[in-house]
Amino acid sequence: MKQKGFTLIELLVVIAIIGMLASIVLVSLGPARAKARDARRVADVRQMSTALEIEGADSPEALVGCTIADAPVNSCTSCVGCAVNNTIQDFVNFADPSVGVAGTACNSTSTATCQYSISQADGDPGATTGDYSICFFLEQGSGDLLAGKNAIKTNGVFVKASCP
């Protein structure tokens, strides 16, 4: 009489193969996740730059709440002379996808992911809607931007591998 079914060895071989395939898939997803976070970072800073350009279209206005050099952008609450429902107040919702709102603000010495920061284009404190530089850190790079520190400056100009 023959028994139907799988032997213990056959089951162990199948489980081992499934485990190896799962580990290969998980390892290959790491860079894809980093690229997705980088794409979000670039979209975030573009959106912030656009908001600053819109608010400063008539005349440059000083930002409120983020007056120090390399200030976290989520500390910006408004701008002097901006409308009551201005887009700057939405900056509190922007956070680096890796470090969140509690992360350290990016600066010229950052070597890892960090919170978006804002200064004047030359790095001085007191960014305005007409003179700003938003610093951010990319894990893998995105498009023409390199991995590491990058910035978007007045008029939406990206600066590769640099923060003020």
N, C-alpha and C. Protein backbone atom coordinates (compact mmCIF):
# COMPACT_ATOMS: atom_id res chain seq x y z
N MET A 1 0.83 -1.17 0.00
CA MET A 1 0.00 0.00 0.00
C MET A 1 0.89 1.25 0.00
N LYS A 2 0.67 2.11 -0.97
CA LYS A 2 1.44 3.33 -1.12
C LYS A 2 0.71 4.49 -0.47
N GLN A 3 1.48 5.30 0.28
CA GLN A 3 0.86 6.47 0.91
C GLN A 3 1.04 7.67 -0.01
N LYS A 4 0.01 8.49 -0.07
CA LYS A 4 0.07 9.69 -0.88
C LYS A 4 0.44 10.86 0.01
N GLY A 5 1.22 11.80 -0.51
CA GLY A 5 1.61 12.97 0.26
C GLY A 5 3.07 13.32 0.01
N PHE A 6 3.52 14.32 0.74
CA PHE A 6 4.89 14.80 0.59
C PHE A 6 5.73 14.31 1.75
N THR A 7 6.99 14.07 1.46
CA THR A 7 7.90 13.70 2.54
C THR A 7 8.37 14.96 3.24
N LEU A 8 8.94 14.80 4.40
CA LEU A 8 9.45 15.93 5.18
C LEU A 8 10.54 16.66 4.41
N ILE A 9 11.39 15.94 3.73
CA ILE A 9 12.48 16.54 2.95
C ILE A 9 11.91 17.42 1.84
N GLU A 10 10.90 16.93 1.13
CA GLU A 10 10.30 17.72 0.06
C GLU A 10 9.70 19.02 0.60
N LEU A 11 9.03 18.95 1.72
CA LEU A 11 8.44 20.15 2.33
C LEU A 11 9.52 21.14 2.75
N LEU A 12 10.60 20.66 3.34
CA LEU A 12 11.69 21.55 3.76
C LEU A 12 12.35 22.23 2.56
N VAL A 13 12.52 21.51 1.47
CA VAL A 13 13.12 22.09 0.26
C VAL A 13 12.23 23.21 -0.28
N VAL A 14 10.93 22.97 -0.33
CA VAL A 14 9.99 23.98 -0.83
C VAL A 14 10.01 25.22 0.07
N ILE A 15 10.00 25.02 1.38
CA ILE A 15 10.03 26.14 2.33
C ILE A 15 11.33 26.93 2.17
N ALA A 16 12.45 26.25 1.98
CA ALA A 16 13.73 26.93 1.80
C ALA A 16 13.74 27.76 0.52
N ILE A 17 13.18 27.22 -0.55
CA ILE A 17 13.12 27.96 -1.82
C ILE A 17 12.25 29.21 -1.67
N ILE A 18 11.10 29.07 -1.02
CA ILE A 18 10.21 30.21 -0.79
C ILE A 18 10.91 31.27 0.06
N GLY A 19 11.63 30.84 1.08
CA GLY A 19 12.37 31.78 1.93
C GLY A 19 13.43 32.55 1.16
N MET A 20 14.16 31.86 0.29
CA MET A 20 15.19 32.54 -0.51
C MET A 20 14.56 33.54 -1.47
N LEU A 21 13.46 33.17 -2.11
CA LEU A 21 12.79 34.09 -3.02
C LEU A 21 12.27 35.32 -2.28
N ALA A 22 11.71 35.11 -1.10
CA ALA A 22 11.20 36.24 -0.31
C ALA A 22 12.33 37.19 0.08
N SER A 23 13.47 36.64 0.47
CA SER A 23 14.58 37.52 0.86
C SER A 23 15.12 38.30 -0.34
N ILE A 24 15.14 37.70 -1.51
CA ILE A 24 15.59 38.41 -2.71
C ILE A 24 14.64 39.56 -3.03
N VAL A 25 13.34 39.32 -2.91
CA VAL A 25 12.35 40.36 -3.19
C VAL A 25 12.49 41.51 -2.19
N LEU A 26 12.65 41.19 -0.92
CA LEU A 26 12.78 42.24 0.10
C LEU A 26 14.03 43.08 -0.11
N VAL A 27 15.13 42.45 -0.47
CA VAL A 27 16.38 43.18 -0.70
C VAL A 27 16.23 44.10 -1.91
N SER A 28 15.55 43.65 -2.94
CA SER A 28 15.41 44.46 -4.15
C SER A 28 14.44 45.63 -3.96
N LEU A 29 13.57 45.59 -2.96
CA LEU A 29 12.63 46.68 -2.72
C LEU A 29 13.27 47.86 -2.00
N GLY A 30 14.40 47.67 -1.33
CA GLY A 30 15.05 48.75 -0.58
C GLY A 30 15.36 49.97 -1.44
N PRO A 31 16.08 49.82 -2.55
CA PRO A 31 16.37 50.97 -3.40
C PRO A 31 15.11 51.61 -3.99
N ALA A 32 14.11 50.81 -4.29
CA ALA A 32 12.86 51.36 -4.84
C ALA A 32 12.17 52.25 -3.81
N ARG A 33 12.20 51.84 -2.56
CA ARG A 33 11.60 52.66 -1.50
C ARG A 33 12.37 53.96 -1.33
N ALA A 34 13.69 53.89 -1.39
CA ALA A 34 14.51 55.10 -1.26
C ALA A 34 14.22 56.06 -2.42
N LYS A 35 14.07 55.53 -3.63
CA LYS A 35 13.76 56.39 -4.78
C LYS A 35 12.39 57.02 -4.63
N ALA A 36 11.44 56.28 -4.08
CA ALA A 36 10.10 56.83 -3.86
C ALA A 36 10.15 57.96 -2.83
N ARG A 37 10.93 57.78 -1.76
CA ARG A 37 11.07 58.85 -0.76
C ARG A 37 11.75 60.07 -1.39
N ASP A 38 12.75 59.84 -2.24
CA ASP A 38 13.42 60.96 -2.92
C ASP A 38 12.45 61.71 -3.83
N ALA A 39 11.61 60.99 -4.55
CA ALA A 39 10.62 61.64 -5.42
C ALA A 39 9.68 62.51 -4.59
N ARG A 40 9.29 62.01 -3.42
CA ARG A 40 8.42 62.81 -2.54
C ARG A 40 9.15 64.06 -2.05
N ARG A 41 10.42 63.92 -1.70
CA ARG A 41 11.19 65.08 -1.24
C ARG A 41 11.24 66.17 -2.32
N VAL A 42 11.53 65.76 -3.55
CA VAL A 42 11.61 66.72 -4.65
C VAL A 42 10.24 67.38 -4.88
N ALA A 43 9.18 66.59 -4.83
CA ALA A 43 7.83 67.16 -4.98
C ALA A 43 7.51 68.13 -3.85
N ASP A 44 7.89 67.78 -2.63
CA ASP A 44 7.64 68.66 -1.48
C ASP A 44 8.34 70.01 -1.64
N VAL A 45 9.62 69.98 -1.97
CA VAL A 45 10.35 71.25 -2.06
C VAL A 45 9.90 72.08 -3.26
N ARG A 46 9.49 71.42 -4.33
CA ARG A 46 8.92 72.16 -5.48
C ARG A 46 7.64 72.87 -5.05
N GLN A 47 6.80 72.16 -4.30
CA GLN A 47 5.54 72.73 -3.84
C GLN A 47 5.79 73.92 -2.90
N MET A 48 6.77 73.78 -2.00
CA MET A 48 7.09 74.89 -1.10
C MET A 48 7.64 76.08 -1.89
N SER A 49 8.49 75.82 -2.87
CA SER A 49 9.05 76.89 -3.68
C SER A 49 7.95 77.62 -4.45
N THR A 50 7.03 76.86 -5.00
CA THR A 50 5.91 77.47 -5.72
C THR A 50 5.08 78.35 -4.79
N ALA A 51 4.82 77.87 -3.58
CA ALA A 51 4.06 78.66 -2.60
C ALA A 51 4.78 79.96 -2.28
N LEU A 52 6.10 79.90 -2.08
CA LEU A 52 6.87 81.10 -1.80
C LEU A 52 6.83 82.08 -2.97
N GLU A 53 6.95 81.56 -4.18
CA GLU A 53 6.92 82.42 -5.36
C GLU A 53 5.56 83.09 -5.52
N ILE A 54 4.48 82.36 -5.26
CA ILE A 54 3.13 82.93 -5.37
C ILE A 54 2.93 84.02 -4.33
N GLU A 55 3.32 83.74 -3.09
CA GLU A 55 3.13 84.73 -2.02
C GLU A 55 4.00 85.97 -2.24
N GLY A 56 5.14 85.80 -2.87
CA GLY A 56 6.04 86.94 -3.07
C GLY A 56 5.96 87.55 -4.45
N ALA A 57 4.91 87.23 -5.21
CA ALA A 57 4.80 87.71 -6.59
C ALA A 57 4.81 89.24 -6.67
N ASP A 58 4.13 89.91 -5.74
CA ASP A 58 4.06 91.37 -5.78
C ASP A 58 5.31 92.02 -5.19
N SER A 59 5.68 91.55 -4.01
CA SER A 59 6.89 92.07 -3.37
C SER A 59 7.38 91.04 -2.36
N PRO A 60 8.69 90.94 -2.16
CA PRO A 60 9.22 89.97 -1.20
C PRO A 60 8.72 90.27 0.21
N GLU A 61 8.31 89.23 0.90
CA GLU A 61 7.80 89.36 2.27
C GLU A 61 8.63 88.49 3.20
N ALA A 62 8.88 88.99 4.41
CA ALA A 62 9.62 88.22 5.41
C ALA A 62 8.77 87.06 5.92
N LEU A 63 9.40 85.92 6.15
CA LEU A 63 8.69 84.76 6.69
C LEU A 63 8.62 84.86 8.21
N VAL A 64 7.53 84.38 8.77
CA VAL A 64 7.30 84.43 10.21
C VAL A 64 7.53 83.04 10.80
N GLY A 65 8.27 82.97 11.90
CA GLY A 65 8.47 81.71 12.61
C GLY A 65 9.73 80.95 12.24
N CYS A 66 10.34 81.29 11.15
CA CYS A 66 11.55 80.57 10.70
C CYS A 66 12.62 81.58 10.33
N THR A 67 13.03 82.36 11.31
CA THR A 67 13.93 83.49 11.06
C THR A 67 15.40 83.17 11.26
N ILE A 68 15.73 81.99 11.77
CA ILE A 68 17.14 81.63 11.96
C ILE A 68 17.68 80.97 10.69
N ALA A 69 18.97 80.89 10.56
CA ALA A 69 19.58 80.17 9.44
C ALA A 69 19.30 78.68 9.61
N ASP A 70 19.05 78.00 8.53
CA ASP A 70 18.75 76.56 8.53
C ASP A 70 17.57 76.23 9.45
N ALA A 71 16.54 77.06 9.43
CA ALA A 71 15.34 76.83 10.24
C ALA A 71 14.53 75.70 9.61
N PRO A 72 13.96 74.81 10.42
CA PRO A 72 13.07 73.79 9.85
C PRO A 72 11.90 74.49 9.13
N VAL A 73 11.58 74.06 7.91
CA VAL A 73 10.51 74.74 7.17
C VAL A 73 9.17 74.63 7.87
N ASN A 74 8.98 73.57 8.66
CA ASN A 74 7.68 73.44 9.33
C ASN A 74 7.54 74.42 10.49
N SER A 75 8.56 75.24 10.75
CA SER A 75 8.43 76.30 11.75
C SER A 75 7.92 77.60 11.12
N CYS A 76 7.86 77.65 9.79
CA CYS A 76 7.31 78.83 9.10
C CYS A 76 5.79 78.80 9.24
N THR A 77 5.22 79.88 9.75
CA THR A 77 3.78 79.91 9.98
C THR A 77 3.04 80.88 9.08
N SER A 78 3.72 81.84 8.51
CA SER A 78 3.08 82.85 7.68
C SER A 78 4.17 83.72 7.06
N CYS A 79 3.76 84.81 6.47
CA CYS A 79 4.71 85.81 6.03
C CYS A 79 4.11 87.19 6.27
N VAL A 80 4.97 88.14 6.56
CA VAL A 80 4.54 89.51 6.83
C VAL A 80 3.87 90.05 5.57
N GLY A 81 2.64 90.52 5.70
CA GLY A 81 1.94 91.09 4.56
C GLY A 81 1.23 90.08 3.68
N CYS A 82 1.28 88.80 4.02
CA CYS A 82 0.58 87.80 3.22
C CYS A 82 -0.90 87.79 3.60
N ALA A 83 -1.72 87.24 2.73
CA ALA A 83 -3.15 87.12 3.01
C ALA A 83 -3.37 86.22 4.22
N VAL A 84 -4.53 86.35 4.85
CA VAL A 84 -4.84 85.55 6.05
C VAL A 84 -4.76 84.06 5.74
N ASN A 85 -5.30 83.64 4.62
CA ASN A 85 -5.27 82.23 4.22
C ASN A 85 -4.13 82.01 3.24
N ASN A 86 -2.91 82.23 3.69
CA ASN A 86 -1.77 82.08 2.80
C ASN A 86 -1.28 80.64 2.77
N THR A 87 -0.53 80.31 1.74
CA THR A 87 -0.04 78.94 1.57
C THR A 87 1.15 78.62 2.47
N ILE A 88 1.79 79.64 3.03
CA ILE A 88 2.95 79.41 3.91
C ILE A 88 2.52 78.66 5.17
N GLN A 89 1.29 78.91 5.63
CA GLN A 89 0.83 78.24 6.85
C GLN A 89 0.77 76.73 6.67
N ASP A 90 0.73 76.24 5.44
CA ASP A 90 0.72 74.80 5.18
C ASP A 90 2.09 74.16 5.33
N PHE A 91 3.14 74.96 5.49
CA PHE A 91 4.49 74.41 5.65
C PHE A 91 4.60 73.52 6.89
N VAL A 92 3.73 73.72 7.88
CA VAL A 92 3.78 72.88 9.09
C VAL A 92 3.52 71.42 8.75
N ASN A 93 2.91 71.15 7.59
CA ASN A 93 2.59 69.78 7.19
C ASN A 93 3.72 69.09 6.42
N PHE A 94 4.76 69.83 6.07
CA PHE A 94 5.85 69.23 5.30
C PHE A 94 6.89 68.61 6.23
N ALA A 95 7.21 67.36 5.96
CA ALA A 95 8.22 66.66 6.76
C ALA A 95 8.95 65.66 5.86
N ASP A 96 10.23 65.51 6.08
CA ASP A 96 11.00 64.52 5.34
C ASP A 96 10.38 63.14 5.60
N PRO A 97 10.17 62.32 4.55
CA PRO A 97 9.53 61.02 4.74
C PRO A 97 10.32 60.04 5.61
N SER A 98 11.61 60.25 5.79
CA SER A 98 12.40 59.34 6.62
C SER A 98 12.48 59.78 8.07
N VAL A 99 12.63 61.08 8.31
CA VAL A 99 12.88 61.55 9.68
C VAL A 99 11.67 62.19 10.34
N GLY A 100 10.65 62.56 9.57
CA GLY A 100 9.46 63.17 10.15
C GLY A 100 9.73 64.58 10.65
N VAL A 101 8.76 65.12 11.40
CA VAL A 101 8.87 66.51 11.86
C VAL A 101 9.90 66.69 12.96
N ALA A 102 10.27 65.62 13.63
CA ALA A 102 11.21 65.73 14.75
C ALA A 102 12.67 65.65 14.32
N GLY A 103 12.92 65.44 13.05
CA GLY A 103 14.29 65.29 12.59
C GLY A 103 15.11 66.56 12.69
N THR A 104 16.42 66.42 12.66
CA THR A 104 17.33 67.56 12.67
C THR A 104 17.26 68.28 11.33
N ALA A 105 17.26 69.60 11.36
CA ALA A 105 17.18 70.38 10.13
C ALA A 105 18.47 70.24 9.31
N CYS A 106 18.33 70.16 8.00
CA CYS A 106 19.48 70.08 7.09
C CYS A 106 20.33 71.34 7.19
N ASN A 107 21.63 71.16 7.03
CA ASN A 107 22.55 72.30 6.98
C ASN A 107 23.74 71.91 6.10
N SER A 108 24.72 72.75 6.03
CA SER A 108 25.85 72.51 5.13
C SER A 108 26.69 71.30 5.52
N THR A 109 26.55 70.80 6.74
CA THR A 109 27.34 69.65 7.18
C THR A 109 26.54 68.35 7.25
N SER A 110 25.29 68.36 6.82
CA SER A 110 24.44 67.16 6.90
C SER A 110 25.02 66.03 6.06
N THR A 111 25.00 64.82 6.64
CA THR A 111 25.51 63.65 5.93
C THR A 111 24.48 62.53 5.85
N ALA A 112 23.26 62.79 6.31
CA ALA A 112 22.19 61.79 6.28
C ALA A 112 20.86 62.52 6.13
N THR A 113 19.79 61.75 5.94
CA THR A 113 18.48 62.37 5.77
C THR A 113 18.19 63.31 6.94
N CYS A 114 17.56 64.42 6.63
CA CYS A 114 17.31 65.47 7.61
C CYS A 114 16.04 66.22 7.24
N GLN A 115 15.53 66.98 8.18
CA GLN A 115 14.33 67.77 7.98
C GLN A 115 14.62 68.91 7.00
N TYR A 116 13.65 69.22 6.12
CA TYR A 116 13.82 70.35 5.20
C TYR A 116 14.13 71.61 6.00
N SER A 117 15.08 72.41 5.52
CA SER A 117 15.42 73.66 6.21
C SER A 117 15.38 74.82 5.22
N ILE A 118 15.24 76.03 5.77
CA ILE A 118 15.15 77.23 4.93
C ILE A 118 16.04 78.33 5.48
N SER A 119 16.70 79.02 4.58
CA SER A 119 17.56 80.18 4.88
C SER A 119 17.45 81.12 3.69
N GLN A 120 18.16 82.24 3.76
CA GLN A 120 18.29 83.05 2.56
C GLN A 120 19.14 82.28 1.56
N ALA A 121 19.12 82.68 0.31
CA ALA A 121 19.86 81.96 -0.73
C ALA A 121 21.35 81.86 -0.45
N ASP A 122 21.91 82.83 0.28
CA ASP A 122 23.34 82.79 0.61
C ASP A 122 23.62 82.10 1.94
N GLY A 123 22.57 81.58 2.60
CA GLY A 123 22.74 80.87 3.86
C GLY A 123 22.48 81.71 5.09
N ASP A 124 22.28 83.01 4.91
CA ASP A 124 22.01 83.89 6.05
C ASP A 124 20.62 83.64 6.62
N PRO A 125 20.38 84.02 7.87
CA PRO A 125 19.05 83.88 8.46
C PRO A 125 18.07 84.87 7.85
N GLY A 126 16.78 84.62 8.06
CA GLY A 126 15.76 85.57 7.63
C GLY A 126 15.31 85.41 6.19
N ALA A 127 14.96 84.18 5.80
CA ALA A 127 14.48 83.95 4.44
C ALA A 127 13.22 84.77 4.17
N THR A 128 13.05 85.17 2.93
CA THR A 128 11.85 85.89 2.51
C THR A 128 11.25 85.16 1.32
N THR A 129 10.08 85.62 0.90
CA THR A 129 9.45 85.01 -0.27
C THR A 129 10.23 85.30 -1.55
N GLY A 130 11.15 86.26 -1.51
CA GLY A 130 11.95 86.60 -2.68
C GLY A 130 13.42 86.24 -2.55
N ASP A 131 13.82 85.65 -1.42
CA ASP A 131 15.22 85.29 -1.19
C ASP A 131 15.26 84.10 -0.24
N TYR A 132 15.31 82.91 -0.82
CA TYR A 132 15.26 81.71 0.02
C TYR A 132 16.08 80.58 -0.60
N SER A 133 16.40 79.63 0.24
CA SER A 133 17.03 78.38 -0.18
C SER A 133 16.49 77.29 0.74
N ILE A 134 15.83 76.29 0.16
CA ILE A 134 15.31 75.17 0.93
C ILE A 134 16.27 74.00 0.73
N CYS A 135 16.84 73.54 1.81
CA CYS A 135 17.83 72.46 1.77
C CYS A 135 17.15 71.12 2.08
N PHE A 136 17.55 70.07 1.37
CA PHE A 136 17.00 68.73 1.60
C PHE A 136 18.06 67.70 1.25
N PHE A 137 17.85 66.46 1.67
CA PHE A 137 18.85 65.40 1.49
C PHE A 137 18.20 64.24 0.73
N LEU A 138 18.82 63.81 -0.37
CA LEU A 138 18.32 62.68 -1.15
C LEU A 138 19.14 61.43 -0.85
N GLU A 139 18.46 60.30 -0.74
CA GLU A 139 19.13 59.03 -0.45
C GLU A 139 19.78 58.43 -1.70
N GLN A 140 19.07 58.44 -2.84
CA GLN A 140 19.55 57.81 -4.07
C GLN A 140 19.80 58.80 -5.19
N GLY A 141 19.22 59.96 -5.09
CA GLY A 141 19.25 60.91 -6.19
C GLY A 141 17.94 60.82 -6.96
N SER A 142 17.61 61.87 -7.68
CA SER A 142 16.35 61.90 -8.42
C SER A 142 16.53 62.77 -9.65
N GLY A 143 16.38 62.18 -10.82
CA GLY A 143 16.60 62.93 -12.05
C GLY A 143 18.03 63.43 -12.11
N ASP A 144 18.20 64.74 -12.29
CA ASP A 144 19.54 65.34 -12.36
C ASP A 144 20.14 65.59 -10.99
N LEU A 145 19.34 65.47 -9.93
CA LEU A 145 19.83 65.75 -8.58
C LEU A 145 20.60 64.55 -8.04
N LEU A 146 21.69 64.82 -7.37
CA LEU A 146 22.56 63.77 -6.85
C LEU A 146 22.13 63.32 -5.47
N ALA A 147 22.57 62.14 -5.07
CA ALA A 147 22.37 61.70 -3.69
C ALA A 147 23.14 62.64 -2.78
N GLY A 148 22.55 62.94 -1.64
CA GLY A 148 23.18 63.86 -0.69
C GLY A 148 22.42 65.16 -0.61
N LYS A 149 23.14 66.22 -0.18
CA LYS A 149 22.52 67.53 0.01
C LYS A 149 22.19 68.18 -1.32
N ASN A 150 21.02 68.80 -1.37
CA ASN A 150 20.60 69.58 -2.53
C ASN A 150 19.78 70.74 -2.02
N ALA A 151 19.52 71.70 -2.87
CA ALA A 151 18.71 72.85 -2.46
C ALA A 151 17.88 73.34 -3.63
N ILE A 152 16.77 73.98 -3.30
CA ILE A 152 15.99 74.71 -4.29
C ILE A 152 16.00 76.16 -3.84
N LYS A 153 16.37 77.04 -4.75
CA LYS A 153 16.54 78.45 -4.38
C LYS A 153 15.49 79.32 -5.07
N THR A 154 15.58 80.61 -4.81
CA THR A 154 14.65 81.59 -5.36
C THR A 154 14.41 81.32 -6.84
N ASN A 155 13.16 81.46 -7.26
CA ASN A 155 12.70 81.20 -8.63
C ASN A 155 12.69 79.72 -8.98
N GLY A 156 12.75 78.83 -7.97
CA GLY A 156 12.63 77.40 -8.22
C GLY A 156 13.83 76.76 -8.87
N VAL A 157 15.01 77.33 -8.68
CA VAL A 157 16.24 76.81 -9.28
C VAL A 157 16.86 75.77 -8.35
N PHE A 158 17.04 74.54 -8.86
CA PHE A 158 17.67 73.49 -8.07
C PHE A 158 19.19 73.66 -8.12
N VAL A 159 19.83 73.43 -6.98
CA VAL A 159 21.29 73.46 -6.89
C VAL A 159 21.73 72.08 -6.41
N LYS A 160 22.51 71.39 -7.24
CA LYS A 160 22.93 70.03 -6.94
C LYS A 160 24.05 70.00 -5.91
N ALA A 161 23.99 69.00 -5.04
CA ALA A 161 25.06 68.70 -4.09
C ALA A 161 25.49 69.92 -3.28
N SER A 162 24.51 70.71 -2.86
CA SER A 162 24.87 71.90 -2.10
C SER A 162 23.72 72.35 -1.21
N CYS A 163 24.07 72.85 -0.07
CA CYS A 163 23.16 73.60 0.80
C CYS A 163 23.92 74.88 1.12
N PRO A 164 23.18 75.96 1.42
CA PRO A 164 23.90 77.22 1.67
C PRO A 164 24.98 77.07 2.72
